[in-house]
Amino acid sequence: MRYRLTFVAGLALGYVLGTRAGRERYEQLKKSARQVAQNPAVRNTAETAAQQGREIAGKAFHTVGEKVGDHVPDSVTARVRSLRERNTNGTREDDWGTSNT
């Protein structure tokens, strides 16, 4: 019950503060967020982080695969194998929704 009251109080406080800030402040925040998201440095950093994440996930899969053995489903094994083959062919394209710009 205490957590519900805390949640409702936080919700009410957020609503009051949000309505006081108004639509104009919301538009300012939205514009700032869009500018940050479109910044080339931010986009490059996000792409680098995504690439590193994919590499680490591949290494983790290999390590877990050695320990787990044949318990990994064939569909997962086939997907990882196809991703590795694509990366070893020199193409760095992916289907994860990231861009290189």
N, C-alpha and C. Protein backbone atom coordinates (compact mmCIF):
# COMPACT_ATOMS: atom_id res chain seq x y z
N MET A 1 0.83 -1.18 0.00
CA MET A 1 0.00 0.00 0.00
C MET A 1 0.87 1.25 0.00
N ARG A 2 1.96 1.21 0.74
CA ARG A 2 2.85 2.36 0.82
C ARG A 2 3.43 2.68 -0.55
N TYR A 3 3.76 1.64 -1.33
CA TYR A 3 4.33 1.85 -2.65
C TYR A 3 3.32 2.44 -3.62
N ARG A 4 2.07 2.05 -3.46
CA ARG A 4 1.02 2.63 -4.30
C ARG A 4 0.86 4.12 -4.01
N LEU A 5 0.86 4.46 -2.74
CA LEU A 5 0.74 5.88 -2.38
C LEU A 5 1.93 6.68 -2.90
N THR A 6 3.11 6.11 -2.81
CA THR A 6 4.30 6.79 -3.33
C THR A 6 4.20 6.97 -4.84
N PHE A 7 3.74 5.93 -5.52
CA PHE A 7 3.59 6.01 -6.97
C PHE A 7 2.55 7.06 -7.36
N VAL A 8 1.40 7.06 -6.69
CA VAL A 8 0.34 8.02 -7.01
C VAL A 8 0.81 9.43 -6.70
N ALA A 9 1.53 9.62 -5.60
CA ALA A 9 2.04 10.95 -5.26
C ALA A 9 3.05 11.42 -6.31
N GLY A 10 3.91 10.53 -6.76
CA GLY A 10 4.88 10.88 -7.81
C GLY A 10 4.18 11.20 -9.11
N LEU A 11 3.16 10.44 -9.44
CA LEU A 11 2.39 10.70 -10.66
C LEU A 11 1.70 12.06 -10.59
N ALA A 12 1.11 12.37 -9.47
CA ALA A 12 0.45 13.67 -9.31
C ALA A 12 1.45 14.81 -9.38
N LEU A 13 2.58 14.66 -8.73
CA LEU A 13 3.62 15.70 -8.78
C LEU A 13 4.13 15.90 -10.20
N GLY A 14 4.34 14.82 -10.91
CA GLY A 14 4.79 14.92 -12.30
C GLY A 14 3.76 15.61 -13.17
N TYR A 15 2.50 15.31 -12.93
CA TYR A 15 1.44 15.95 -13.71
C TYR A 15 1.41 17.45 -13.46
N VAL A 16 1.48 17.84 -12.19
CA VAL A 16 1.43 19.27 -11.84
C VAL A 16 2.63 20.00 -12.44
N LEU A 17 3.82 19.44 -12.27
CA LEU A 17 5.00 20.09 -12.83
C LEU A 17 4.95 20.13 -14.35
N GLY A 18 4.44 19.08 -14.95
CA GLY A 18 4.33 19.04 -16.40
C GLY A 18 3.37 20.07 -16.95
N THR A 19 2.25 20.25 -16.28
CA THR A 19 1.29 21.24 -16.76
C THR A 19 1.78 22.65 -16.54
N ARG A 20 2.57 22.86 -15.51
CA ARG A 20 3.12 24.20 -15.29
C ARG A 20 4.16 24.55 -16.34
N ALA A 21 4.95 23.55 -16.76
CA ALA A 21 5.96 23.82 -17.77
C ALA A 21 5.31 24.19 -19.09
N GLY A 22 4.20 23.57 -19.39
CA GLY A 22 3.44 23.93 -20.57
C GLY A 22 3.98 23.37 -21.87
N ARG A 23 3.23 23.64 -22.90
CA ARG A 23 3.53 23.13 -24.23
C ARG A 23 4.81 23.73 -24.79
N GLU A 24 5.07 25.00 -24.49
CA GLU A 24 6.26 25.66 -25.03
C GLU A 24 7.54 24.99 -24.55
N ARG A 25 7.60 24.69 -23.28
CA ARG A 25 8.78 24.03 -22.73
C ARG A 25 8.92 22.62 -23.31
N TYR A 26 7.80 21.95 -23.50
CA TYR A 26 7.82 20.62 -24.10
C TYR A 26 8.43 20.68 -25.50
N GLU A 27 8.01 21.67 -26.28
CA GLU A 27 8.55 21.82 -27.63
C GLU A 27 10.05 22.13 -27.60
N GLN A 28 10.50 22.92 -26.62
CA GLN A 28 11.93 23.21 -26.48
C GLN A 28 12.71 21.93 -26.18
N LEU A 29 12.21 21.14 -25.28
CA LEU A 29 12.88 19.88 -24.93
C LEU A 29 12.90 18.93 -26.12
N LYS A 30 11.80 18.87 -26.84
CA LYS A 30 11.71 17.99 -28.01
C LYS A 30 12.70 18.43 -29.09
N LYS A 31 12.82 19.73 -29.30
CA LYS A 31 13.76 20.25 -30.30
C LYS A 31 15.21 19.95 -29.89
N SER A 32 15.51 20.12 -28.62
CA SER A 32 16.87 19.83 -28.13
C SER A 32 17.20 18.35 -28.28
N ALA A 33 16.27 17.50 -27.95
CA ALA A 33 16.50 16.05 -28.09
C ALA A 33 16.72 15.68 -29.55
N ARG A 34 15.97 16.28 -30.45
CA ARG A 34 16.13 16.00 -31.87
C ARG A 34 17.51 16.46 -32.36
N GLN A 35 17.95 17.62 -31.91
CA GLN A 35 19.27 18.12 -32.32
C GLN A 35 20.38 17.21 -31.84
N VAL A 36 20.26 16.73 -30.62
CA VAL A 36 21.28 15.82 -30.08
C VAL A 36 21.28 14.52 -30.87
N ALA A 37 20.11 14.00 -31.17
CA ALA A 37 20.01 12.73 -31.89
C ALA A 37 20.56 12.85 -33.31
N GLN A 38 20.48 14.02 -33.92
CA GLN A 38 20.95 14.20 -35.29
C GLN A 38 22.41 14.64 -35.36
N ASN A 39 23.04 14.85 -34.23
CA ASN A 39 24.44 15.25 -34.20
C ASN A 39 25.31 14.10 -34.73
N PRO A 40 26.19 14.38 -35.70
CA PRO A 40 27.01 13.30 -36.27
C PRO A 40 27.88 12.59 -35.23
N ALA A 41 28.39 13.33 -34.26
CA ALA A 41 29.23 12.70 -33.24
C ALA A 41 28.42 11.71 -32.41
N VAL A 42 27.21 12.06 -32.07
CA VAL A 42 26.34 11.18 -31.30
C VAL A 42 25.98 9.95 -32.13
N ARG A 43 25.66 10.16 -33.39
CA ARG A 43 25.30 9.04 -34.26
C ARG A 43 26.47 8.08 -34.45
N ASN A 44 27.68 8.63 -34.63
CA ASN A 44 28.86 7.78 -34.79
C ASN A 44 29.14 6.99 -33.51
N THR A 45 28.99 7.65 -32.37
CA THR A 45 29.20 6.96 -31.10
C THR A 45 28.18 5.84 -30.91
N ALA A 46 26.94 6.11 -31.25
CA ALA A 46 25.90 5.08 -31.13
C ALA A 46 26.19 3.91 -32.06
N GLU A 47 26.65 4.19 -33.28
CA GLU A 47 26.98 3.11 -34.22
C GLU A 47 28.16 2.29 -33.71
N THR A 48 29.17 2.97 -33.16
CA THR A 48 30.33 2.26 -32.60
C THR A 48 29.90 1.37 -31.44
N ALA A 49 29.06 1.91 -30.58
CA ALA A 49 28.58 1.12 -29.44
C ALA A 49 27.77 -0.09 -29.91
N ALA A 50 26.96 0.09 -30.94
CA ALA A 50 26.18 -1.03 -31.47
C ALA A 50 27.09 -2.10 -32.05
N GLN A 51 28.12 -1.67 -32.78
CA GLN A 51 29.05 -2.63 -33.38
C GLN A 51 29.81 -3.40 -32.29
N GLN A 52 30.27 -2.69 -31.27
CA GLN A 52 30.97 -3.36 -30.18
C GLN A 52 30.05 -4.33 -29.45
N GLY A 53 28.79 -3.95 -29.30
CA GLY A 53 27.82 -4.83 -28.66
C GLY A 53 27.64 -6.12 -29.45
N ARG A 54 27.58 -5.99 -30.78
CA ARG A 54 27.43 -7.19 -31.61
C ARG A 54 28.66 -8.08 -31.50
N GLU A 55 29.85 -7.47 -31.46
CA GLU A 55 31.08 -8.26 -31.34
C GLU A 55 31.14 -8.98 -30.00
N ILE A 56 30.80 -8.28 -28.94
CA ILE A 56 30.82 -8.89 -27.60
C ILE A 56 29.78 -9.99 -27.51
N ALA A 57 28.61 -9.77 -28.10
CA ALA A 57 27.58 -10.80 -28.08
C ALA A 57 28.04 -12.05 -28.81
N GLY A 58 28.77 -11.87 -29.92
CA GLY A 58 29.30 -13.02 -30.65
C GLY A 58 30.30 -13.80 -29.83
N LYS A 59 31.18 -13.06 -29.13
CA LYS A 59 32.17 -13.73 -28.27
C LYS A 59 31.48 -14.45 -27.11
N ALA A 60 30.48 -13.80 -26.54
CA ALA A 60 29.75 -14.42 -25.43
C ALA A 60 29.04 -15.68 -25.90
N PHE A 61 28.46 -15.63 -27.10
CA PHE A 61 27.80 -16.81 -27.62
C PHE A 61 28.78 -17.95 -27.79
N HIS A 62 29.98 -17.63 -28.29
CA HIS A 62 31.00 -18.65 -28.48
C HIS A 62 31.38 -19.28 -27.14
N THR A 63 31.61 -18.45 -26.14
CA THR A 63 31.99 -18.93 -24.82
C THR A 63 30.89 -19.78 -24.19
N VAL A 64 29.67 -19.28 -24.27
CA VAL A 64 28.54 -20.03 -23.71
C VAL A 64 28.33 -21.32 -24.50
N GLY A 65 28.50 -21.23 -25.82
CA GLY A 65 28.33 -22.41 -26.66
C GLY A 65 29.29 -23.52 -26.29
N GLU A 66 30.51 -23.16 -25.94
CA GLU A 66 31.49 -24.17 -25.53
C GLU A 66 31.07 -24.84 -24.23
N LYS A 67 30.51 -24.05 -23.32
CA LYS A 67 30.12 -24.59 -22.02
C LYS A 67 28.80 -25.34 -22.07
N VAL A 68 27.89 -24.87 -22.90
CA VAL A 68 26.57 -25.47 -22.96
C VAL A 68 26.55 -26.67 -23.91
N GLY A 69 27.33 -26.57 -24.96
CA GLY A 69 27.40 -27.69 -25.90
C GLY A 69 26.26 -27.70 -26.89
N ASP A 70 25.63 -28.84 -27.04
CA ASP A 70 24.57 -29.01 -28.04
C ASP A 70 23.21 -28.54 -27.56
N HIS A 71 23.13 -27.87 -26.45
CA HIS A 71 21.85 -27.42 -25.92
C HIS A 71 21.36 -26.14 -26.57
N VAL A 72 22.19 -25.52 -27.40
CA VAL A 72 21.78 -24.30 -28.09
C VAL A 72 20.93 -24.70 -29.29
N PRO A 73 19.76 -24.06 -29.46
CA PRO A 73 18.89 -24.43 -30.59
C PRO A 73 19.58 -24.19 -31.94
N ASP A 74 19.23 -25.03 -32.90
CA ASP A 74 19.82 -24.93 -34.23
C ASP A 74 19.53 -23.59 -34.88
N SER A 75 18.36 -23.01 -34.62
CA SER A 75 18.01 -21.73 -35.24
C SER A 75 18.95 -20.63 -34.78
N VAL A 76 19.33 -20.65 -33.50
CA VAL A 76 20.26 -19.65 -32.98
C VAL A 76 21.65 -19.86 -33.59
N THR A 77 22.07 -21.08 -33.67
CA THR A 77 23.37 -21.41 -34.25
C THR A 77 23.44 -20.97 -35.70
N ALA A 78 22.39 -21.21 -36.45
CA ALA A 78 22.36 -20.82 -37.87
C ALA A 78 22.40 -19.32 -38.02
N ARG A 79 21.69 -18.59 -37.18
CA ARG A 79 21.67 -17.12 -37.27
C ARG A 79 23.04 -16.55 -36.96
N VAL A 80 23.70 -17.02 -35.93
CA VAL A 80 25.03 -16.54 -35.58
C VAL A 80 26.02 -16.88 -36.69
N ARG A 81 25.93 -18.07 -37.23
CA ARG A 81 26.82 -18.47 -38.32
C ARG A 81 26.64 -17.56 -39.53
N SER A 82 25.40 -17.22 -39.87
CA SER A 82 25.16 -16.35 -41.03
C SER A 82 25.69 -14.95 -40.77
N LEU A 83 25.57 -14.46 -39.53
CA LEU A 83 26.12 -13.13 -39.21
C LEU A 83 27.64 -13.13 -39.28
N ARG A 84 28.25 -14.19 -38.80
CA ARG A 84 29.71 -14.27 -38.86
C ARG A 84 30.19 -14.33 -40.30
N GLU A 85 29.51 -15.11 -41.14
CA GLU A 85 29.90 -15.20 -42.55
C GLU A 85 29.75 -13.86 -43.24
N ARG A 86 28.71 -13.14 -42.93
CA ARG A 86 28.50 -11.82 -43.53
C ARG A 86 29.61 -10.86 -43.14
N ASN A 87 30.03 -10.90 -41.87
CA ASN A 87 31.08 -10.00 -41.40
C ASN A 87 32.46 -10.40 -41.93
N THR A 88 32.70 -11.67 -42.17
CA THR A 88 34.00 -12.09 -42.68
C THR A 88 34.13 -11.84 -44.17
N ASN A 89 33.02 -11.63 -44.87
CA ASN A 89 33.06 -11.32 -46.30
C ASN A 89 33.40 -9.87 -46.57
N GLY A 90 33.61 -9.08 -45.54
CA GLY A 90 33.99 -7.69 -45.71
C GLY A 90 32.82 -6.72 -45.70
N THR A 91 31.61 -7.21 -45.69
CA THR A 91 30.46 -6.32 -45.62
C THR A 91 30.11 -6.09 -44.17
N ARG A 92 29.97 -4.84 -43.80
CA ARG A 92 29.65 -4.50 -42.43
C ARG A 92 28.19 -4.08 -42.30
N GLU A 93 27.37 -4.38 -43.28
CA GLU A 93 25.98 -4.03 -43.23
C GLU A 93 25.26 -4.93 -42.23
N ASP A 94 24.23 -4.38 -41.63
CA ASP A 94 23.44 -5.17 -40.70
C ASP A 94 21.97 -4.84 -40.89
N ASP A 95 21.14 -5.59 -40.22
CA ASP A 95 19.71 -5.34 -40.30
C ASP A 95 19.17 -4.93 -38.93
N TRP A 96 19.98 -4.23 -38.17
CA TRP A 96 19.59 -3.82 -36.83
C TRP A 96 18.96 -2.44 -36.78
N GLY A 97 18.82 -1.76 -37.91
CA GLY A 97 18.17 -0.46 -37.93
C GLY A 97 19.12 0.70 -37.64
N THR A 98 20.41 0.45 -37.65
CA THR A 98 21.35 1.54 -37.43
C THR A 98 21.84 2.06 -38.78
N SER A 99 22.33 3.28 -38.76
CA SER A 99 22.82 3.85 -40.01
C SER A 99 24.30 4.19 -39.87
N ASN A 100 24.94 4.39 -40.97
CA ASN A 100 26.36 4.71 -40.97
C ASN A 100 26.62 6.20 -41.16
N THR A 101 25.60 7.01 -40.99
CA THR A 101 25.79 8.45 -41.17
C THR A 101 26.05 9.12 -39.87
